[in-house]
Amino acid sequence: MSTLALEGSSGDGASSRALLALRYADLIALAVALPVFLAVGASMLGYAVLAAVWIAQRALQFAAERSAARSLAAGVRRNALGTLAATTLVRLWIVTLAILLVGLLGERRAGLAAAVLALVLVTLSLGGQALARLFASPEEPKR
């Protein structure tokens, strides 16, 4: 008999999908924001700039987490912490400067749209990652 028949369905697939959705809630919201921006007539310049910067900073975060995991596996905690701290500051500055520049060089309305979208994305990113770590099983790798 299969292990599924013996043990039954544990629902792990649904729970891992939920954890994945929590981890990437900001990216889901970014995709949902596009039709909302179009529907309300918000500045597409603000959306485009922030979307590009947000995706870039998430890629930087992913690379930093992988580097920190390699450093931890090698037993060098200081390098892991330094990598995460430095990239967190860089990511913050990238998003902040993008909002400032789109507001100054583009138009104020675009800067405001980018700032509001960034506020939503940061909130979802931090909250989603915290909840995903809280509800992750102990044997799952915490990213």
C-alpha atoms as a PDB file:
ATOM      1  CA  MET A   1       0.000   0.000   0.000  1.00  0.00           C
ATOM      2  CA  SER A   2       1.097   3.534  -0.558  1.00  0.00           C
ATOM      3  CA  THR A   3       2.108   5.762   2.315  1.00  0.00           C
ATOM      4  CA  LEU A   4      -0.794   8.044   1.448  1.00  0.00           C
ATOM      5  CA  ALA A   5      -3.213   5.169   1.970  1.00  0.00           C
ATOM      6  CA  LEU A   6      -1.553   4.220   5.243  1.00  0.00           C
ATOM      7  CA  GLU A   7      -1.074   7.679   6.726  1.00  0.00           C
ATOM      8  CA  GLY A   8      -3.853   9.640   5.076  1.00  0.00           C
ATOM      9  CA  SER A   9      -3.614  13.119   3.712  1.00  0.00           C
ATOM     10  CA  SER A  10      -1.708  15.403   6.026  1.00  0.00           C
ATOM     11  CA  GLY A  11      -2.586  18.613   4.196  1.00  0.00           C
ATOM     12  CA  ASP A  12       1.070  19.608   3.968  1.00  0.00           C
ATOM     13  CA  GLY A  13       0.640  20.735   0.349  1.00  0.00           C
ATOM     14  CA  ALA A  14      -1.994  23.287   1.297  1.00  0.00           C
ATOM     15  CA  SER A  15      -0.004  24.505   4.272  1.00  0.00           C
ATOM     16  CA  SER A  16       3.188  24.899   2.249  1.00  0.00           C
ATOM     17  CA  ARG A  17       1.257  26.821  -0.416  1.00  0.00           C
ATOM     18  CA  ALA A  18      -0.159  29.087   2.295  1.00  0.00           C
ATOM     19  CA  LEU A  19       3.334  29.693   3.698  1.00  0.00           C
ATOM     20  CA  LEU A  20       4.602  30.436   0.195  1.00  0.00           C
ATOM     21  CA  ALA A  21       1.749  32.910  -0.341  1.00  0.00           C
ATOM     22  CA  LEU A  22       2.611  34.605   2.968  1.00  0.00           C
ATOM     23  CA  ARG A  23       6.298  34.857   2.021  1.00  0.00           C
ATOM     24  CA  TYR A  24       5.472  36.457  -1.304  1.00  0.00           C
ATOM     25  CA  ALA A  25       2.376  38.460  -0.310  1.00  0.00           C
ATOM     26  CA  ASP A  26       4.099  41.669  -1.396  1.00  0.00           C
ATOM     27  CA  LEU A  27       4.700  40.379  -4.919  1.00  0.00           C
ATOM     28  CA  ILE A  28       1.107  39.165  -5.139  1.00  0.00           C
ATOM     29  CA  ALA A  29      -0.065  42.620  -4.041  1.00  0.00           C
ATOM     30  CA  LEU A  30       2.219  44.236  -6.615  1.00  0.00           C
ATOM     31  CA  ALA A  31       0.524  42.221  -9.360  1.00  0.00           C
ATOM     32  CA  VAL A  32      -2.945  43.034  -7.990  1.00  0.00           C
ATOM     33  CA  ALA A  33      -2.050  46.739  -7.780  1.00  0.00           C
ATOM     34  CA  LEU A  34      -1.629  47.080 -11.554  1.00  0.00           C
ATOM     35  CA  PRO A  35      -5.337  46.782 -12.438  1.00  0.00           C
ATOM     36  CA  VAL A  36      -6.184  48.924  -9.401  1.00  0.00           C
ATOM     37  CA  PHE A  37      -3.815  51.669 -10.609  1.00  0.00           C
ATOM     38  CA  LEU A  38      -5.364  51.456 -14.071  1.00  0.00           C
ATOM     39  CA  ALA A  39      -8.932  51.531 -12.736  1.00  0.00           C
ATOM     40  CA  VAL A  40      -8.477  54.562 -10.488  1.00  0.00           C
ATOM     41  CA  GLY A  41      -6.295  56.475 -12.927  1.00  0.00           C
ATOM     42  CA  ALA A  42      -3.281  56.602 -10.632  1.00  0.00           C
ATOM     43  CA  SER A  43       0.124  57.494 -12.026  1.00  0.00           C
ATOM     44  CA  MET A  44       1.529  54.622 -14.050  1.00  0.00           C
ATOM     45  CA  LEU A  45       4.989  56.213 -13.837  1.00  0.00           C
ATOM     46  CA  GLY A  46       4.887  55.776 -10.068  1.00  0.00           C
ATOM     47  CA  TYR A  47       3.725  52.184 -10.421  1.00  0.00           C
ATOM     48  CA  ALA A  48       6.306  51.286 -13.078  1.00  0.00           C
ATOM     49  CA  VAL A  49       9.254  52.764 -11.199  1.00  0.00           C
ATOM     50  CA  LEU A  50       8.283  51.247  -7.878  1.00  0.00           C
ATOM     51  CA  ALA A  51       7.480  47.858  -9.420  1.00  0.00           C
ATOM     52  CA  ALA A  52      10.899  47.699 -11.096  1.00  0.00           C
ATOM     53  CA  VAL A  53      12.705  48.801  -7.936  1.00  0.00           C
ATOM     54  CA  TRP A  54      10.662  46.474  -5.732  1.00  0.00           C
ATOM     55  CA  ILE A  55      11.446  43.446  -7.875  1.00  0.00           C
ATOM     56  CA  ALA A  56      15.134  44.418  -7.956  1.00  0.00           C
ATOM     57  CA  GLN A  57      15.329  44.787  -4.185  1.00  0.00           C
ATOM     58  CA  ARG A  58      13.561  41.441  -3.684  1.00  0.00           C
ATOM     59  CA  ALA A  59      16.135  39.806  -5.972  1.00  0.00           C
ATOM     60  CA  LEU A  60      18.858  41.414  -3.862  1.00  0.00           C
ATOM     61  CA  GLN A  61      17.177  40.080  -0.724  1.00  0.00           C
ATOM     62  CA  PHE A  62      17.032  36.571  -2.191  1.00  0.00           C
ATOM     63  CA  ALA A  63      20.733  36.674  -3.104  1.00  0.00           C
ATOM     64  CA  ALA A  64      21.651  37.980   0.359  1.00  0.00           C
ATOM     65  CA  GLU A  65      19.664  35.250   2.100  1.00  0.00           C
ATOM     66  CA  ARG A  66      21.398  32.581   0.012  1.00  0.00           C
ATOM     67  CA  SER A  67      24.796  34.097   0.787  1.00  0.00           C
ATOM     68  CA  ALA A  68      23.965  34.283   4.498  1.00  0.00           C
ATOM     69  CA  ALA A  69      22.847  30.642   4.470  1.00  0.00           C
ATOM     70  CA  ARG A  70      26.170  29.637   2.891  1.00  0.00           C
ATOM     71  CA  SER A  71      28.052  31.640   5.522  1.00  0.00           C
ATOM     72  CA  LEU A  72      26.069  30.011   8.323  1.00  0.00           C
ATOM     73  CA  ALA A  73      26.686  26.560   6.852  1.00  0.00           C
ATOM     74  CA  ALA A  74      30.406  27.362   6.866  1.00  0.00           C
ATOM     75  CA  GLY A  75      30.112  28.483  10.503  1.00  0.00           C
ATOM     76  CA  VAL A  76      30.825  32.172   9.882  1.00  0.00           C
ATOM     77  CA  ARG A  77      27.940  33.904  11.664  1.00  0.00           C
ATOM     78  CA  ARG A  78      29.545  37.353  11.464  1.00  0.00           C
ATOM     79  CA  ASN A  79      29.562  37.273   7.637  1.00  0.00           C
ATOM     80  CA  ALA A  80      25.951  36.114   7.544  1.00  0.00           C
ATOM     81  CA  LEU A  81      24.802  38.907   9.841  1.00  0.00           C
ATOM     82  CA  GLY A  82      26.880  41.506   8.005  1.00  0.00           C
ATOM     83  CA  THR A  83      25.462  40.450   4.645  1.00  0.00           C
ATOM     84  CA  LEU A  84      21.874  40.639   5.852  1.00  0.00           C
ATOM     85  CA  ALA A  85      22.386  43.970   7.622  1.00  0.00           C
ATOM     86  CA  ALA A  86      24.125  45.617   4.673  1.00  0.00           C
ATOM     87  CA  THR A  87      21.591  44.440   2.109  1.00  0.00           C
ATOM     88  CA  THR A  88      18.689  45.512   4.306  1.00  0.00           C
ATOM     89  CA  LEU A  89      20.057  49.054   4.384  1.00  0.00           C
ATOM     90  CA  VAL A  90      20.795  49.042   0.650  1.00  0.00           C
ATOM     91  CA  ARG A  91      17.286  47.781  -0.133  1.00  0.00           C
ATOM     92  CA  LEU A  92      15.762  50.525   2.048  1.00  0.00           C
ATOM     93  CA  TRP A  93      17.801  53.224   0.309  1.00  0.00           C
ATOM     94  CA  ILE A  94      16.997  51.908  -3.171  1.00  0.00           C
ATOM     95  CA  VAL A  95      13.245  52.083  -2.582  1.00  0.00           C
ATOM     96  CA  THR A  96      13.417  55.436  -0.784  1.00  0.00           C
ATOM     97  CA  LEU A  97      15.539  57.076  -3.472  1.00  0.00           C
ATOM     98  CA  ALA A  98      13.295  55.724  -6.233  1.00  0.00           C
ATOM     99  CA  ILE A  99      10.238  57.288  -4.583  1.00  0.00           C
ATOM    100  CA  LEU A 100      12.067  60.574  -4.077  1.00  0.00           C
ATOM    101  CA  LEU A 101      13.397  60.716  -7.631  1.00  0.00           C
ATOM    102  CA  VAL A 102      10.108  59.817  -9.290  1.00  0.00           C
ATOM    103  CA  GLY A 103       8.418  62.526  -7.220  1.00  0.00           C
ATOM    104  CA  LEU A 104      11.045  65.167  -8.019  1.00  0.00           C
ATOM    105  CA  LEU A 105      11.945  64.315 -11.602  1.00  0.00           C
ATOM    106  CA  GLY A 106       8.575  62.999 -12.713  1.00  0.00           C
ATOM    107  CA  GLU A 107       5.590  64.525 -11.041  1.00  0.00           C
ATOM    108  CA  ARG A 108       4.423  64.751  -7.450  1.00  0.00           C
ATOM    109  CA  ARG A 109       1.413  62.588  -8.195  1.00  0.00           C
ATOM    110  CA  ALA A 110       3.721  59.791  -9.380  1.00  0.00           C
ATOM    111  CA  GLY A 111       5.822  60.099  -6.233  1.00  0.00           C
ATOM    112  CA  LEU A 112       2.735  59.920  -4.047  1.00  0.00           C
ATOM    113  CA  ALA A 113       1.447  56.845  -5.898  1.00  0.00           C
ATOM    114  CA  ALA A 114       4.847  55.168  -5.539  1.00  0.00           C
ATOM    115  CA  ALA A 115       5.021  56.032  -1.835  1.00  0.00           C
ATOM    116  CA  VAL A 116       1.559  54.650  -1.090  1.00  0.00           C
ATOM    117  CA  LEU A 117       2.306  51.469  -3.028  1.00  0.00           C
ATOM    118  CA  ALA A 118       5.648  51.107  -1.218  1.00  0.00           C
ATOM    119  CA  LEU A 119       3.900  51.490   2.145  1.00  0.00           C
ATOM    120  CA  VAL A 120       1.505  48.661   1.280  1.00  0.00           C
ATOM    121  CA  LEU A 121       4.283  46.440  -0.080  1.00  0.00           C
ATOM    122  CA  VAL A 122       6.606  46.957   2.894  1.00  0.00           C
ATOM    123  CA  THR A 123       3.788  46.201   5.319  1.00  0.00           C
ATOM    124  CA  LEU A 124       2.814  43.033   3.467  1.00  0.00           C
ATOM    125  CA  SER A 125       6.415  41.950   3.049  1.00  0.00           C
ATOM    126  CA  LEU A 126       7.316  42.295   6.714  1.00  0.00           C
ATOM    127  CA  GLY A 127       4.034  40.876   7.967  1.00  0.00           C
ATOM    128  CA  GLY A 128       3.969  38.005   5.506  1.00  0.00           C
ATOM    129  CA  GLN A 129       7.551  36.973   6.214  1.00  0.00           C
ATOM    130  CA  ALA A 130       6.992  37.158   9.975  1.00  0.00           C
ATOM    131  CA  LEU A 131       3.839  35.042   9.766  1.00  0.00           C
ATOM    132  CA  ALA A 132       5.495  32.551   7.417  1.00  0.00           C
ATOM    133  CA  ARG A 133       8.358  32.090   9.893  1.00  0.00           C
ATOM    134  CA  LEU A 134       5.929  31.813  12.792  1.00  0.00           C
ATOM    135  CA  PHE A 135       3.811  29.104  11.159  1.00  0.00           C
ATOM    136  CA  ALA A 136       6.627  27.191   9.421  1.00  0.00           C
ATOM    137  CA  SER A 137       7.222  23.701  10.744  1.00  0.00           C
ATOM    138  CA  PRO A 138      10.531  23.193  12.578  1.00  0.00           C
ATOM    139  CA  GLU A 139      11.944  20.893   9.889  1.00  0.00           C
ATOM    140  CA  GLU A 140      11.236  23.385   7.085  1.00  0.00           C
ATOM    141  CA  PRO A 141      14.137  25.658   6.191  1.00  0.00           C
ATOM    142  CA  LYS A 142      13.352  29.210   7.329  1.00  0.00           C
ATOM    143  CA  ARG A 143      14.097  31.730   4.601  1.00  0.00           C
END
